[in-house]
PDB file of N, CA and C in Angstrom:
ATOM      1  N   UNK A   1       2.668   0.133 -23.811  1.00  0.00           N
ATOM      2  CA  UNK A   1       3.849  -0.384 -23.149  1.00  0.00           C
ATOM      3  C   UNK A   1       3.445  -0.993 -21.806  1.00  0.00           C
ATOM      4  N   UNK A   2       3.926  -2.191 -21.501  1.00  0.00           N
ATOM      5  CA  UNK A   2       3.619  -2.882 -20.263  1.00  0.00           C
ATOM      6  C   UNK A   2       4.563  -2.424 -19.160  1.00  0.00           C
ATOM      7  N   UNK A   3       4.007  -2.201 -17.982  1.00  0.00           N
ATOM      8  CA  UNK A   3       4.786  -1.776 -16.824  1.00  0.00           C
ATOM      9  C   UNK A   3       5.713  -2.903 -16.377  1.00  0.00           C
ATOM     10  N   UNK A   4       6.957  -2.590 -16.155  1.00  0.00           N
ATOM     11  CA  UNK A   4       7.931  -3.553 -15.647  1.00  0.00           C
ATOM     12  C   UNK A   4       7.644  -3.804 -14.162  1.00  0.00           C
ATOM     13  N   UNK A   5       7.588  -5.070 -13.760  1.00  0.00           N
ATOM     14  CA  UNK A   5       7.329  -5.415 -12.369  1.00  0.00           C
ATOM     15  C   UNK A   5       8.608  -5.337 -11.550  1.00  0.00           C
ATOM     16  N   UNK A   6       8.460  -4.934 -10.328  1.00  0.00           N
ATOM     17  CA  UNK A   6       9.590  -4.892  -9.404  1.00  0.00           C
ATOM     18  C   UNK A   6       9.830  -6.293  -8.858  1.00  0.00           C
ATOM     19  N   UNK A   7      11.103  -6.677  -8.716  1.00  0.00           N
ATOM     20  CA  UNK A   7      11.427  -7.978  -8.137  1.00  0.00           C
ATOM     21  C   UNK A   7      10.991  -8.056  -6.683  1.00  0.00           C
ATOM     22  N   UNK A   8      11.112  -6.972  -5.966  1.00  0.00           N
ATOM     23  CA  UNK A   8      10.696  -6.922  -4.569  1.00  0.00           C
ATOM     24  C   UNK A   8       9.879  -5.649  -4.372  1.00  0.00           C
ATOM     25  N   UNK A   9       8.569  -5.739  -4.558  1.00  0.00           N
ATOM     26  CA  UNK A   9       7.748  -4.530  -4.511  1.00  0.00           C
ATOM     27  C   UNK A   9       7.758  -3.805  -3.168  1.00  0.00           C
ATOM     28  N   UNK A  10       7.882  -4.542  -2.071  1.00  0.00           N
ATOM     29  CA  UNK A  10       7.897  -3.870  -0.763  1.00  0.00           C
ATOM     30  C   UNK A  10       9.143  -3.003  -0.629  1.00  0.00           C
ATOM     31  N   UNK A  11      10.288  -3.514  -1.054  1.00  0.00           N
ATOM     32  CA  UNK A  11      11.530  -2.731  -0.997  1.00  0.00           C
ATOM     33  C   UNK A  11      11.412  -1.512  -1.908  1.00  0.00           C
ATOM     34  N   UNK A  12      10.832  -1.690  -3.093  1.00  0.00           N
ATOM     35  CA  UNK A  12      10.639  -0.566  -4.016  1.00  0.00           C
ATOM     36  C   UNK A  12       9.745   0.492  -3.370  1.00  0.00           C
ATOM     37  N   UNK A  13       8.640   0.058  -2.762  1.00  0.00           N
ATOM     38  CA  UNK A  13       7.712   0.992  -2.104  1.00  0.00           C
ATOM     39  C   UNK A  13       8.411   1.707  -0.951  1.00  0.00           C
ATOM     40  N   UNK A  14       9.127   0.959  -0.130  1.00  0.00           N
ATOM     41  CA  UNK A  14       9.837   1.573   0.996  1.00  0.00           C
ATOM     42  C   UNK A  14      10.836   2.617   0.514  1.00  0.00           C
ATOM     43  N   UNK A  15      11.538   2.310  -0.558  1.00  0.00           N
ATOM     44  CA  UNK A  15      12.492   3.267  -1.114  1.00  0.00           C
ATOM     45  C   UNK A  15      11.770   4.528  -1.588  1.00  0.00           C
ATOM     46  N   UNK A  16      10.650   4.358  -2.262  1.00  0.00           N
ATOM     47  CA  UNK A  16       9.877   5.524  -2.724  1.00  0.00           C
ATOM     48  C   UNK A  16       9.387   6.361  -1.542  1.00  0.00           C
ATOM     49  N   UNK A  17       8.925   5.703  -0.503  1.00  0.00           N
ATOM     50  CA  UNK A  17       8.457   6.415   0.694  1.00  0.00           C
ATOM     51  C   UNK A  17       9.612   7.216   1.304  1.00  0.00           C
ATOM     52  N   UNK A  18      10.744   6.583   1.457  1.00  0.00           N
ATOM     53  CA  UNK A  18      11.906   7.262   2.077  1.00  0.00           C
ATOM     54  C   UNK A  18      12.378   8.458   1.260  1.00  0.00           C
ATOM     55  N   UNK A  19      12.289   8.347  -0.064  1.00  0.00           N
ATOM     56  CA  UNK A  19      12.714   9.442  -0.939  1.00  0.00           C
ATOM     57  C   UNK A  19      11.587  10.444  -1.190  1.00  0.00           C
ATOM     58  N   UNK A  20      10.415  10.157  -0.665  1.00  0.00           N
ATOM     59  CA  UNK A  20       9.209  10.977  -0.867  1.00  0.00           C
ATOM     60  C   UNK A  20       8.838  11.045  -2.350  1.00  0.00           C
ATOM     61  N   UNK A  21       9.117   9.943  -3.048  1.00  0.00           N
ATOM     62  CA  UNK A  21       8.723   9.826  -4.446  1.00  0.00           C
ATOM     63  C   UNK A  21       7.352   9.157  -4.488  1.00  0.00           C
ATOM     64  N   UNK A  22       6.377   9.896  -3.934  1.00  0.00           N
ATOM     65  CA  UNK A  22       5.032   9.379  -3.687  1.00  0.00           C
ATOM     66  C   UNK A  22       4.002  10.328  -4.277  1.00  0.00           C
ATOM     67  N   UNK A  23       2.984   9.739  -4.838  1.00  0.00           N
ATOM     68  CA  UNK A  23       1.808  10.500  -5.269  1.00  0.00           C
ATOM     69  C   UNK A  23       0.624  10.008  -4.450  1.00  0.00           C
ATOM     70  N   UNK A  24      -0.248  10.921  -4.094  1.00  0.00           N
ATOM     71  CA  UNK A  24      -1.435  10.596  -3.307  1.00  0.00           C
ATOM     72  C   UNK A  24      -2.636  10.717  -4.231  1.00  0.00           C
ATOM     73  N   UNK A  25      -3.371   9.630  -4.403  1.00  0.00           N
ATOM     74  CA  UNK A  25      -4.522   9.671  -5.300  1.00  0.00           C
ATOM     75  C   UNK A  25      -5.647  10.492  -4.685  1.00  0.00           C
ATOM     76  N   UNK A  26      -6.531  10.933  -5.535  1.00  0.00           N
ATOM     77  CA  UNK A  26      -7.714  11.655  -5.079  1.00  0.00           C
ATOM     78  C   UNK A  26      -8.471  10.798  -4.070  1.00  0.00           C
ATOM     79  N   UNK A  27      -8.597   9.520  -4.375  1.00  0.00           N
ATOM     80  CA  UNK A  27      -9.344   8.600  -3.501  1.00  0.00           C
ATOM     81  C   UNK A  27      -8.777   8.591  -2.085  1.00  0.00           C
ATOM     82  N   UNK A  28      -7.460   8.417  -1.956  1.00  0.00           N
ATOM     83  CA  UNK A  28      -6.879   8.342  -0.625  1.00  0.00           C
ATOM     84  C   UNK A  28      -6.994   9.674   0.097  1.00  0.00           C
ATOM     85  N   UNK A  29      -6.853  10.766  -0.611  1.00  0.00           N
ATOM     86  CA  UNK A  29      -6.999  12.079   0.024  1.00  0.00           C
ATOM     87  C   UNK A  29      -8.395  12.268   0.601  1.00  0.00           C
ATOM     88  N   UNK A  30      -9.388  11.688  -0.051  1.00  0.00           N
ATOM     89  CA  UNK A  30     -10.770  11.793   0.432  1.00  0.00           C
ATOM     90  C   UNK A  30     -11.008  10.886   1.649  1.00  0.00           C
ATOM     91  N   UNK A  31     -10.229   9.809   1.780  1.00  0.00           N
ATOM     92  CA  UNK A  31     -10.508   8.783   2.779  1.00  0.00           C
ATOM     93  C   UNK A  31      -9.683   8.857   4.065  1.00  0.00           C
ATOM     94  N   UNK A  32      -8.462   9.331   3.996  1.00  0.00           N
ATOM     95  CA  UNK A  32      -7.569   9.250   5.157  1.00  0.00           C
ATOM     96  C   UNK A  32      -8.148   9.871   6.416  1.00  0.00           C
ATOM     97  N   UNK A  33      -8.670  11.054   6.322  1.00  0.00           N
ATOM     98  CA  UNK A  33      -9.171  11.738   7.512  1.00  0.00           C
ATOM     99  C   UNK A  33     -10.304  10.947   8.163  1.00  0.00           C
ATOM    100  N   UNK A  34     -11.238  10.486   7.340  1.00  0.00           N
ATOM    101  CA  UNK A  34     -12.368   9.726   7.879  1.00  0.00           C
ATOM    102  C   UNK A  34     -11.934   8.394   8.474  1.00  0.00           C
ATOM    103  N   UNK A  35     -10.828   7.864   7.994  1.00  0.00           N
ATOM    104  CA  UNK A  35     -10.362   6.563   8.470  1.00  0.00           C
ATOM    105  C   UNK A  35      -9.315   6.697   9.573  1.00  0.00           C
ATOM    106  N   UNK A  36      -9.061   7.916   9.989  1.00  0.00           N
ATOM    107  CA  UNK A  36      -8.141   8.205  11.084  1.00  0.00           C
ATOM    108  C   UNK A  36      -6.746   7.617  10.845  1.00  0.00           C
ATOM    109  N   UNK A  37      -6.274   7.808   9.618  1.00  0.00           N
ATOM    110  CA  UNK A  37      -4.908   7.433   9.252  1.00  0.00           C
ATOM    111  C   UNK A  37      -4.283   8.674   8.618  1.00  0.00           C
ATOM    112  N   UNK A  38      -3.131   9.044   9.109  1.00  0.00           N
ATOM    113  CA  UNK A  38      -2.481  10.240   8.582  1.00  0.00           C
ATOM    114  C   UNK A  38      -1.351   9.869   7.621  1.00  0.00           C
ATOM    115  N   UNK A  39      -0.981  10.814   6.794  1.00  0.00           N
ATOM    116  CA  UNK A  39       0.179  10.617   5.922  1.00  0.00           C
ATOM    117  C   UNK A  39       1.415  10.341   6.768  1.00  0.00           C
ATOM    118  N   UNK A  40       1.518  11.025   7.884  1.00  0.00           N
ATOM    119  CA  UNK A  40       2.665  10.840   8.772  1.00  0.00           C
ATOM    120  C   UNK A  40       2.747   9.401   9.274  1.00  0.00           C
ATOM    121  N   UNK A  41       1.592   8.782   9.567  1.00  0.00           N
ATOM    122  CA  UNK A  41       1.583   7.385  10.006  1.00  0.00           C
ATOM    123  C   UNK A  41       2.094   6.459   8.903  1.00  0.00           C
ATOM    124  N   UNK A  42       1.676   6.735   7.679  1.00  0.00           N
ATOM    125  CA  UNK A  42       2.114   5.927   6.544  1.00  0.00           C
ATOM    126  C   UNK A  42       3.621   6.045   6.371  1.00  0.00           C
ATOM    127  N   UNK A  43       4.156   7.267   6.480  1.00  0.00           N
ATOM    128  CA  UNK A  43       5.603   7.473   6.382  1.00  0.00           C
ATOM    129  C   UNK A  43       6.330   6.816   7.559  1.00  0.00           C
ATOM    130  N   UNK A  44       5.822   7.000   8.768  1.00  0.00           N
ATOM    131  CA  UNK A  44       6.494   6.492   9.968  1.00  0.00           C
ATOM    132  C   UNK A  44       6.530   4.964  10.019  1.00  0.00           C
ATOM    133  N   UNK A  45       5.578   4.303   9.396  1.00  0.00           N
ATOM    134  CA  UNK A  45       5.479   2.840   9.449  1.00  0.00           C
ATOM    135  C   UNK A  45       6.328   2.149   8.385  1.00  0.00           C
ATOM    136  N   UNK A  46       7.082   2.893   7.595  1.00  0.00           N
ATOM    137  CA  UNK A  46       7.785   2.353   6.421  1.00  0.00           C
ATOM    138  C   UNK A  46       8.612   1.099   6.723  1.00  0.00           C
ATOM    139  N   UNK A  47       9.263   1.032   7.854  1.00  0.00           N
ATOM    140  CA  UNK A  47      10.103  -0.124   8.170  1.00  0.00           C
ATOM    141  C   UNK A  47       9.295  -1.370   8.513  1.00  0.00           C
ATOM    142  N   UNK A  48       8.015  -1.208   8.768  1.00  0.00           N
ATOM    143  CA  UNK A  48       7.176  -2.341   9.173  1.00  0.00           C
ATOM    144  C   UNK A  48       6.386  -2.966   8.026  1.00  0.00           C
ATOM    145  N   UNK A  49       6.473  -2.402   6.832  1.00  0.00           N
ATOM    146  CA  UNK A  49       5.641  -2.868   5.713  1.00  0.00           C
ATOM    147  C   UNK A  49       5.823  -4.362   5.451  1.00  0.00           C
ATOM    148  N   UNK A  50       4.680  -5.063   5.312  1.00  0.00           N
ATOM    149  CA  UNK A  50       4.657  -6.477   4.960  1.00  0.00           C
ATOM    150  C   UNK A  50       3.667  -6.661   3.821  1.00  0.00           C
ATOM    151  N   UNK A  51       4.060  -7.437   2.838  1.00  0.00           N
ATOM    152  CA  UNK A  51       3.178  -7.712   1.714  1.00  0.00           C
ATOM    153  C   UNK A  51       2.008  -8.587   2.154  1.00  0.00           C
ATOM    154  N   UNK A  52       0.809  -8.154   1.804  1.00  0.00           N
ATOM    155  CA  UNK A  52      -0.404  -8.908   2.109  1.00  0.00           C
ATOM    156  C   UNK A  52      -0.935  -9.566   0.839  1.00  0.00           C
ATOM    157  N   UNK A  53      -1.127  -8.764  -0.203  1.00  0.00           N
ATOM    158  CA  UNK A  53      -1.635  -9.273  -1.480  1.00  0.00           C
ATOM    159  C   UNK A  53      -0.993  -8.500  -2.627  1.00  0.00           C
ATOM    160  N   UNK A  54      -0.821  -9.186  -3.752  1.00  0.00           N
ATOM    161  CA  UNK A  54      -0.245  -8.566  -4.951  1.00  0.00           C
ATOM    162  C   UNK A  54      -1.266  -8.610  -6.072  1.00  0.00           C
ATOM    163  N   UNK A  55      -1.350  -7.510  -6.810  1.00  0.00           N
ATOM    164  CA  UNK A  55      -2.240  -7.404  -7.966  1.00  0.00           C
ATOM    165  C   UNK A  55      -1.402  -6.918  -9.155  1.00  0.00           C
ATOM    166  N   UNK A  56      -0.537  -7.791  -9.686  1.00  0.00           N
ATOM    167  CA  UNK A  56       0.390  -7.358 -10.739  1.00  0.00           C
ATOM    168  C   UNK A  56      -0.304  -6.953 -12.041  1.00  0.00           C
ATOM    169  N   UNK A  57      -1.515  -7.412 -12.249  1.00  0.00           N
ATOM    170  CA  UNK A  57      -2.240  -7.087 -13.486  1.00  0.00           C
ATOM    171  C   UNK A  57      -3.340  -6.056 -13.263  1.00  0.00           C
ATOM    172  N   UNK A  58      -3.215  -5.253 -12.216  1.00  0.00           N
ATOM    173  CA  UNK A  58      -4.227  -4.227 -11.934  1.00  0.00           C
ATOM    174  C   UNK A  58      -4.388  -3.302 -13.135  1.00  0.00           C
ATOM    175  N   UNK A  59      -5.498  -2.606 -13.175  1.00  0.00           N
ATOM    176  CA  UNK A  59      -5.904  -1.854 -14.372  1.00  0.00           C
ATOM    177  C   UNK A  59      -4.847  -0.886 -14.902  1.00  0.00           C
ATOM    178  N   UNK A  60      -4.312  -0.028 -14.055  1.00  0.00           N
ATOM    179  CA  UNK A  60      -3.375   0.991 -14.536  1.00  0.00           C
ATOM    180  C   UNK A  60      -1.921   0.651 -14.255  1.00  0.00           C
ATOM    181  N   UNK A  61      -1.651   0.238 -13.039  1.00  0.00           N
ATOM    182  CA  UNK A  61      -0.285  -0.093 -12.610  1.00  0.00           C
ATOM    183  C   UNK A  61      -0.352  -1.299 -11.674  1.00  0.00           C
ATOM    184  N   UNK A  62       0.712  -2.078 -11.582  1.00  0.00           N
ATOM    185  CA  UNK A  62       0.733  -3.157 -10.596  1.00  0.00           C
ATOM    186  C   UNK A  62       0.520  -2.556  -9.205  1.00  0.00           C
ATOM    187  N   UNK A  63      -0.279  -3.222  -8.394  1.00  0.00           N
ATOM    188  CA  UNK A  63      -0.516  -2.684  -7.058  1.00  0.00           C
ATOM    189  C   UNK A  63      -0.337  -3.762  -6.005  1.00  0.00           C
ATOM    190  N   UNK A  64      -0.061  -3.295  -4.795  1.00  0.00           N
ATOM    191  CA  UNK A  64       0.297  -4.185  -3.704  1.00  0.00           C
ATOM    192  C   UNK A  64      -0.327  -3.675  -2.414  1.00  0.00           C
ATOM    193  N   UNK A  65      -0.986  -4.591  -1.720  1.00  0.00           N
ATOM    194  CA  UNK A  65      -1.569  -4.283  -0.429  1.00  0.00           C
ATOM    195  C   UNK A  65      -0.539  -4.631   0.632  1.00  0.00           C
ATOM    196  N   UNK A  66      -0.205  -3.675   1.478  1.00  0.00           N
ATOM    197  CA  UNK A  66       0.767  -3.924   2.540  1.00  0.00           C
ATOM    198  C   UNK A  66       0.143  -3.654   3.898  1.00  0.00           C
ATOM    199  N   UNK A  67       0.624  -4.381   4.884  1.00  0.00           N
ATOM    200  CA  UNK A  67       0.267  -4.136   6.272  1.00  0.00           C
ATOM    201  C   UNK A  67       1.299  -3.176   6.825  1.00  0.00           C
ATOM    202  N   UNK A  68       0.841  -2.128   7.461  1.00  0.00           N
ATOM    203  CA  UNK A  68       1.738  -1.113   8.016  1.00  0.00           C
ATOM    204  C   UNK A  68       1.524  -1.018   9.525  1.00  0.00           C
ATOM    205  N   UNK A  69       2.608  -1.022  10.256  1.00  0.00           N
ATOM    206  CA  UNK A  69       2.586  -0.901  11.716  1.00  0.00           C
ATOM    207  C   UNK A  69       1.728  -1.980  12.367  1.00  0.00           C
ATOM    208  N   UNK A  70       1.441  -3.049  11.631  1.00  0.00           N
ATOM    209  CA  UNK A  70       0.643  -4.136  12.170  1.00  0.00           C
ATOM    210  C   UNK A  70      -0.812  -3.794  12.412  1.00  0.00           C
ATOM    211  N   UNK A  71      -1.232  -2.578  11.979  1.00  0.00           N
ATOM    212  CA  UNK A  71      -2.588  -2.144  12.321  1.00  0.00           C
ATOM    213  C   UNK A  71      -3.430  -1.638  11.157  1.00  0.00           C
ATOM    214  N   UNK A  72      -2.793  -1.258  10.046  1.00  0.00           N
ATOM    215  CA  UNK A  72      -3.594  -0.757   8.928  1.00  0.00           C
ATOM    216  C   UNK A  72      -3.006  -1.210   7.606  1.00  0.00           C
ATOM    217  N   UNK A  73      -3.856  -1.241   6.586  1.00  0.00           N
ATOM    218  CA  UNK A  73      -3.452  -1.629   5.239  1.00  0.00           C
ATOM    219  C   UNK A  73      -3.293  -0.389   4.374  1.00  0.00           C
ATOM    220  N   UNK A  74      -2.334  -0.447   3.465  1.00  0.00           N
ATOM    221  CA  UNK A  74      -2.144   0.605   2.465  1.00  0.00           C
ATOM    222  C   UNK A  74      -2.038  -0.093   1.115  1.00  0.00           C
ATOM    223  N   UNK A  75      -2.792   0.391   0.147  1.00  0.00           N
ATOM    224  CA  UNK A  75      -2.693  -0.125  -1.213  1.00  0.00           C
ATOM    225  C   UNK A  75      -1.840   0.847  -2.009  1.00  0.00           C
ATOM    226  N   UNK A  76      -0.714   0.330  -2.513  1.00  0.00           N
ATOM    227  CA  UNK A  76       0.199   1.121  -3.320  1.00  0.00           C
ATOM    228  C   UNK A  76       0.154   0.626  -4.759  1.00  0.00           C
ATOM    229  N   UNK A  77       0.149   1.542  -5.714  1.00  0.00           N
ATOM    230  CA  UNK A  77       0.379   1.216  -7.118  1.00  0.00           C
ATOM    231  C   UNK A  77       1.803   1.672  -7.407  1.00  0.00           C
ATOM    232  N   UNK A  78       2.557   0.821  -8.089  1.00  0.00           N
ATOM    233  CA  UNK A  78       3.946   1.200  -8.323  1.00  0.00           C
ATOM    234  C   UNK A  78       4.211   1.453  -9.803  1.00  0.00           C
ATOM    235  N   UNK A  79       4.940   2.512 -10.028  1.00  0.00           N
ATOM    236  CA  UNK A  79       5.340   2.923 -11.375  1.00  0.00           C
ATOM    237  C   UNK A  79       6.856   2.814 -11.445  1.00  0.00           C
ATOM    238  N   UNK A  80       7.338   1.636 -11.838  1.00  0.00           N
ATOM    239  CA  UNK A  80       8.789   1.424 -11.865  1.00  0.00           C
ATOM    240  C   UNK A  80       9.457   2.288 -12.926  1.00  0.00           C
ATOM    241  N   UNK A  81       8.780   2.515 -14.038  1.00  0.00           N
ATOM    242  CA  UNK A  81       9.353   3.355 -15.107  1.00  0.00           C
ATOM    243  C   UNK A  81       9.498   4.802 -14.632  1.00  0.00           C
ATOM    244  N   UNK A  82       8.499   5.285 -13.893  1.00  0.00           N
ATOM    245  CA  UNK A  82       8.534   6.649 -13.370  1.00  0.00           C
ATOM    246  C   UNK A  82       9.235   6.765 -12.031  1.00  0.00           C
ATOM    247  N   UNK A  83       9.638   5.616 -11.453  1.00  0.00           N
ATOM    248  CA  UNK A  83      10.345   5.554 -10.183  1.00  0.00           C
ATOM    249  C   UNK A  83       9.558   6.214  -9.052  1.00  0.00           C
ATOM    250  N   UNK A  84       8.274   5.828  -8.933  1.00  0.00           N
ATOM    251  CA  UNK A  84       7.448   6.355  -7.858  1.00  0.00           C
ATOM    252  C   UNK A  84       6.392   5.337  -7.459  1.00  0.00           C
ATOM    253  N   UNK A  85       5.780   5.596  -6.335  1.00  0.00           N
ATOM    254  CA  UNK A  85       4.658   4.786  -5.851  1.00  0.00           C
ATOM    255  C   UNK A  85       3.487   5.714  -5.613  1.00  0.00           C
ATOM    256  N   UNK A  86       2.293   5.174  -5.760  1.00  0.00           N
ATOM    257  CA  UNK A  86       1.076   5.949  -5.548  1.00  0.00           C
ATOM    258  C   UNK A  86       0.274   5.317  -4.431  1.00  0.00           C
ATOM    259  N   UNK A  87      -0.116   6.117  -3.483  1.00  0.00           N
ATOM    260  CA  UNK A  87      -0.949   5.629  -2.395  1.00  0.00           C
ATOM    261  C   UNK A  87      -2.385   5.686  -2.904  1.00  0.00           C
ATOM    262  N   UNK A  88      -2.979   4.513  -3.074  1.00  0.00           N
ATOM    263  CA  UNK A  88      -4.323   4.420  -3.638  1.00  0.00           C
ATOM    264  C   UNK A  88      -5.372   4.532  -2.541  1.00  0.00           C
ATOM    265  N   UNK A  89      -5.171   3.795  -1.470  1.00  0.00           N
ATOM    266  CA  UNK A  89      -6.100   3.852  -0.344  1.00  0.00           C
ATOM    267  C   UNK A  89      -5.410   3.318   0.897  1.00  0.00           C
ATOM    268  N   UNK A  90      -5.986   3.588   2.037  1.00  0.00           N
ATOM    269  CA  UNK A  90      -5.503   3.073   3.320  1.00  0.00           C
ATOM    270  C   UNK A  90      -6.719   2.891   4.216  1.00  0.00           C
ATOM    271  N   UNK A  91      -6.673   1.842   5.014  1.00  0.00           N
ATOM    272  CA  UNK A  91      -7.815   1.559   5.892  1.00  0.00           C
ATOM    273  C   UNK A  91      -7.377   0.644   7.021  1.00  0.00           C
ATOM    274  N   UNK A  92      -8.192   0.607   8.054  1.00  0.00           N
ATOM    275  CA  UNK A  92      -7.973  -0.323   9.158  1.00  0.00           C
ATOM    276  C   UNK A  92      -8.804  -1.569   8.852  1.00  0.00           C
ATOM    277  N   UNK A  93      -8.148  -2.720   8.735  1.00  0.00           N
ATOM    278  CA  UNK A  93      -8.878  -3.927   8.352  1.00  0.00           C
ATOM    279  C   UNK A  93      -9.909  -4.349   9.398  1.00  0.00           C
ATOM    280  N   UNK A  94     -10.994  -4.913   8.908  1.00  0.00           N
ATOM    281  CA  UNK A  94     -12.080  -5.405   9.744  1.00  0.00           C
ATOM    282  C   UNK A  94     -11.697  -6.774  10.309  1.00  0.00           C
ATOM    283  N   UNK A  95     -11.759  -6.917  11.613  1.00  0.00           N
ATOM    284  CA  UNK A  95     -11.384  -8.171  12.271  1.00  0.00           C
ATOM    285  C   UNK A  95     -12.277  -9.332  11.830  1.00  0.00           C
ATOM    286  N   UNK A  96     -13.483  -9.033  11.358  1.00  0.00           N
ATOM    287  CA  UNK A  96     -14.381 -10.084  10.886  1.00  0.00           C
ATOM    288  C   UNK A  96     -13.986 -10.605   9.503  1.00  0.00           C
ATOM    289  N   UNK A  97     -13.200  -9.829   8.758  1.00  0.00           N
ATOM    290  CA  UNK A  97     -12.810 -10.213   7.406  1.00  0.00           C
ATOM    291  C   UNK A  97     -11.374 -10.715   7.302  1.00  0.00           C
ATOM    292  N   UNK A  98     -10.562 -10.424   8.323  1.00  0.00           N
ATOM    293  CA  UNK A  98      -9.145 -10.764   8.272  1.00  0.00           C
ATOM    294  C   UNK A  98      -8.765 -11.643   9.450  1.00  0.00           C
ATOM    295  N   UNK A  99      -7.852 -12.580   9.202  1.00  0.00           N
ATOM    296  CA  UNK A  99      -7.329 -13.411  10.286  1.00  0.00           C
ATOM    297  C   UNK A  99      -6.479 -12.557  11.213  1.00  0.00           C
ATOM    298  N   UNK A 100      -6.226 -13.083  12.392  1.00  0.00           N
ATOM    299  CA  UNK A 100      -5.390 -12.396  13.377  1.00  0.00           C
ATOM    300  C   UNK A 100      -4.063 -12.016  12.734  1.00  0.00           C
ATOM    301  N   UNK A 101      -3.667 -10.788  12.876  1.00  0.00           N
ATOM    302  CA  UNK A 101      -2.432 -10.281  12.269  1.00  0.00           C
ATOM    303  C   UNK A 101      -2.660  -9.551  10.968  1.00  0.00           C
ATOM    304  N   UNK A 102      -3.862  -9.659  10.386  1.00  0.00           N
ATOM    305  CA  UNK A 102      -4.287  -8.918   9.187  1.00  0.00           C
ATOM    306  C   UNK A 102      -3.471  -9.206   7.930  1.00  0.00           C
ATOM    307  N   UNK A 103      -2.855 -10.398   7.873  1.00  0.00           N
ATOM    308  CA  UNK A 103      -2.077 -10.750   6.683  1.00  0.00           C
ATOM    309  C   UNK A 103      -2.825 -11.679   5.727  1.00  0.00           C
ATOM    310  N   UNK A 104      -3.917 -12.279   6.198  1.00  0.00           N
ATOM    311  CA  UNK A 104      -4.708 -13.178   5.349  1.00  0.00           C
ATOM    312  C   UNK A 104      -6.197 -12.917   5.551  1.00  0.00           C
ATOM    313  N   UNK A 105      -6.902 -12.951   4.434  1.00  0.00           N
ATOM    314  CA  UNK A 105      -8.362 -12.839   4.500  1.00  0.00           C
ATOM    315  C   UNK A 105      -8.924 -14.129   5.071  1.00  0.00           C
ATOM    316  N   UNK A 106     -10.015 -14.009   5.837  1.00  0.00           N
ATOM    317  CA  UNK A 106     -10.685 -15.192   6.339  1.00  0.00           C
ATOM    318  C   UNK A 106     -11.404 -15.890   5.196  1.00  0.00           C
ATOM    319  N   UNK A 107     -11.456 -17.198   5.266  1.00  0.00           N
ATOM    320  CA  UNK A 107     -12.193 -17.977   4.275  1.00  0.00           C
ATOM    321  C   UNK A 107     -13.686 -17.776   4.492  1.00  0.00           C
ATOM    322  N   UNK A 108     -14.405 -17.787   3.384  1.00  0.00           N
ATOM    323  CA  UNK A 108     -15.867 -17.627   3.509  1.00  0.00           C
ATOM    324  C   UNK A 108     -16.557 -18.905   3.219  1.00  0.00           C
TER     325      UNK A 108
END
């Protein structure tokens, strides 16, 4: 069965965050502390989420990279059928790889 895509993935993700309908992947649990990003920061930044990149055909679920609080990226996989979002990873973007504002990758 193919996952149904959300018409507005950022709104869907924000709704999941607000309702705490969130799963934390093993990967993100291993990375957050080392990357100095807390779960609380991810929750607190919910109103600031901006779509950076979309991966609707990702391996398991459609996923979306969002900019949070203007300072860090969070990759969410969304499960519209299960009505939840999964935090896959979070990181602070490298200024050498991203344009000012962290919404676009620099051309190589």
